[in-house]
Amino acid sequence: MGFKEVVNVVKNEASDAVEITKLRTKISKEKSSIKDNFAKIGELVYNQQKDAPGDDEIGSMIKEVRASKEKIDSLNADIQKVKMED
């Protein structure tokens, strides 16, 4: 294999690596889009069912979210108390 052939092979491999990187970046963007849409779907379902969650798996998760929100509210109230003490 001559020098030109070696250069061409290296150039092709570098070009392939760049193309693969571009494709992986596109895949990553699509995965991020899927994740964002799942989050939006979850928020929509939560908002639709938050006032009357069922006894199914979704209802259980809604109750967990509600409990977490209540804890956050309580912790924020604690922060305000600490600030007022100063």
C-alpha atoms as a PDB file:
ATOM      1  CA  MET A   1       0.000   0.000   0.000  1.00  0.00           C
ATOM      2  CA  GLY A   2       1.470   3.330  -1.072  1.00  0.00           C
ATOM      3  CA  PHE A   3       1.477   6.638   0.737  1.00  0.00           C
ATOM      4  CA  LYS A   4      -1.490   7.998  -1.254  1.00  0.00           C
ATOM      5  CA  GLU A   5      -3.519   4.908  -0.469  1.00  0.00           C
ATOM      6  CA  VAL A   6      -2.727   5.246   3.240  1.00  0.00           C
ATOM      7  CA  VAL A   7      -3.713   8.927   3.147  1.00  0.00           C
ATOM      8  CA  ASN A   8      -6.978   8.040   1.407  1.00  0.00           C
ATOM      9  CA  VAL A   9      -7.769   5.349   3.962  1.00  0.00           C
ATOM     10  CA  VAL A  10      -7.056   7.741   6.846  1.00  0.00           C
ATOM     11  CA  LYS A  11      -9.106  10.464   5.145  1.00  0.00           C
ATOM     12  CA  ASN A  12     -12.033   8.061   4.630  1.00  0.00           C
ATOM     13  CA  GLU A  13     -11.877   6.872   8.214  1.00  0.00           C
ATOM     14  CA  ALA A  14     -11.815  10.462   9.483  1.00  0.00           C
ATOM     15  CA  SER A  15     -14.735  11.323   7.235  1.00  0.00           C
ATOM     16  CA  ASP A  16     -16.636   8.292   8.524  1.00  0.00           C
ATOM     17  CA  ALA A  17     -15.896   9.294  12.113  1.00  0.00           C
ATOM     18  CA  VAL A  18     -17.244  12.801  11.464  1.00  0.00           C
ATOM     19  CA  GLU A  19     -20.386  11.411   9.829  1.00  0.00           C
ATOM     20  CA  ILE A  20     -20.942   8.963  12.687  1.00  0.00           C
ATOM     21  CA  THR A  21     -20.534  11.814  15.197  1.00  0.00           C
ATOM     22  CA  LYS A  22     -23.105  13.889  13.294  1.00  0.00           C
ATOM     23  CA  LEU A  23     -25.540  10.965  13.251  1.00  0.00           C
ATOM     24  CA  ARG A  24     -25.030  10.291  16.963  1.00  0.00           C
ATOM     25  CA  THR A  25     -25.698  13.966  17.668  1.00  0.00           C
ATOM     26  CA  LYS A  26     -28.961  13.716  15.734  1.00  0.00           C
ATOM     27  CA  ILE A  27     -29.889  10.578  17.683  1.00  0.00           C
ATOM     28  CA  SER A  28     -29.152  12.376  20.944  1.00  0.00           C
ATOM     29  CA  LYS A  29     -31.387  15.292  19.910  1.00  0.00           C
ATOM     30  CA  GLU A  30     -34.217  12.897  19.043  1.00  0.00           C
ATOM     31  CA  LYS A  31     -33.853  11.105  22.390  1.00  0.00           C
ATOM     32  CA  SER A  32     -33.987  14.469  24.124  1.00  0.00           C
ATOM     33  CA  SER A  33     -37.149  15.318  22.190  1.00  0.00           C
ATOM     34  CA  ILE A  34     -38.719  12.020  23.257  1.00  0.00           C
ATOM     35  CA  LYS A  35     -37.799  12.702  26.891  1.00  0.00           C
ATOM     36  CA  ASP A  36     -39.286  16.208  26.707  1.00  0.00           C
ATOM     37  CA  ASN A  37     -42.497  14.891  25.160  1.00  0.00           C
ATOM     38  CA  PHE A  38     -42.819  12.157  27.784  1.00  0.00           C
ATOM     39  CA  ALA A  39     -42.480  14.842  30.459  1.00  0.00           C
ATOM     40  CA  LYS A  40     -45.186  16.925  28.764  1.00  0.00           C
ATOM     41  CA  ILE A  41     -47.469  13.887  28.475  1.00  0.00           C
ATOM     42  CA  GLY A  42     -46.926  13.146  32.150  1.00  0.00           C
ATOM     43  CA  GLU A  43     -47.735  16.711  33.120  1.00  0.00           C
ATOM     44  CA  LEU A  44     -50.907  16.644  31.008  1.00  0.00           C
ATOM     45  CA  VAL A  45     -52.051  13.378  32.573  1.00  0.00           C
ATOM     46  CA  TYR A  46     -51.216  14.706  36.025  1.00  0.00           C
ATOM     47  CA  ASN A  47     -53.207  17.894  35.451  1.00  0.00           C
ATOM     48  CA  GLN A  48     -56.166  15.920  34.096  1.00  0.00           C
ATOM     49  CA  GLN A  49     -56.284  13.467  36.997  1.00  0.00           C
ATOM     50  CA  LYS A  50     -54.801  15.369  39.969  1.00  0.00           C
ATOM     51  CA  ASP A  51     -58.160  16.195  41.520  1.00  0.00           C
ATOM     52  CA  ALA A  52     -59.427  12.613  41.422  1.00  0.00           C
ATOM     53  CA  PRO A  53     -56.541  10.174  41.093  1.00  0.00           C
ATOM     54  CA  GLY A  54     -57.575   6.576  40.667  1.00  0.00           C
ATOM     55  CA  ASP A  55     -56.245   3.529  42.463  1.00  0.00           C
ATOM     56  CA  ASP A  56     -54.153   2.450  39.482  1.00  0.00           C
ATOM     57  CA  GLU A  57     -50.433   2.967  38.895  1.00  0.00           C
ATOM     58  CA  ILE A  58     -50.945   6.469  37.502  1.00  0.00           C
ATOM     59  CA  GLY A  59     -53.092   7.423  40.481  1.00  0.00           C
ATOM     60  CA  SER A  60     -50.368   6.207  42.805  1.00  0.00           C
ATOM     61  CA  MET A  61     -47.776   8.327  41.035  1.00  0.00           C
ATOM     62  CA  ILE A  62     -50.089  11.344  41.117  1.00  0.00           C
ATOM     63  CA  LYS A  63     -50.437  10.906  44.875  1.00  0.00           C
ATOM     64  CA  GLU A  64     -46.640  10.726  45.192  1.00  0.00           C
ATOM     65  CA  VAL A  65     -46.273  13.938  43.168  1.00  0.00           C
ATOM     66  CA  ARG A  66     -48.883  15.635  45.340  1.00  0.00           C
ATOM     67  CA  ALA A  67     -47.041  14.525  48.491  1.00  0.00           C
ATOM     68  CA  SER A  68     -43.749  15.838  47.095  1.00  0.00           C
ATOM     69  CA  LYS A  69     -45.364  19.174  46.240  1.00  0.00           C
ATOM     70  CA  GLU A  70     -46.728  19.419  49.778  1.00  0.00           C
ATOM     71  CA  LYS A  71     -43.257  18.690  51.196  1.00  0.00           C
ATOM     72  CA  ILE A  72     -41.787  21.391  48.951  1.00  0.00           C
ATOM     73  CA  ASP A  73     -44.407  23.871  50.154  1.00  0.00           C
ATOM     74  CA  SER A  74     -43.600  22.983  53.754  1.00  0.00           C
ATOM     75  CA  LEU A  75     -39.868  23.351  53.186  1.00  0.00           C
ATOM     76  CA  ASN A  76     -40.400  26.709  51.478  1.00  0.00           C
ATOM     77  CA  ALA A  77     -42.429  27.810  54.507  1.00  0.00           C
ATOM     78  CA  ASP A  78     -39.517  26.731  56.734  1.00  0.00           C
ATOM     79  CA  ILE A  79     -37.182  28.836  54.597  1.00  0.00           C
ATOM     80  CA  GLN A  80     -39.432  31.846  55.060  1.00  0.00           C
ATOM     81  CA  LYS A  81     -39.465  31.317  58.840  1.00  0.00           C
ATOM     82  CA  VAL A  82     -35.674  31.190  58.896  1.00  0.00           C
ATOM     83  CA  LYS A  83     -35.468  34.383  56.855  1.00  0.00           C
ATOM     84  CA  MET A  84     -37.911  36.151  59.214  1.00  0.00           C
ATOM     85  CA  GLU A  85     -35.821  35.198  62.264  1.00  0.00           C
ATOM     86  CA  ASP A  86     -32.905  37.284  61.009  1.00  0.00           C
END
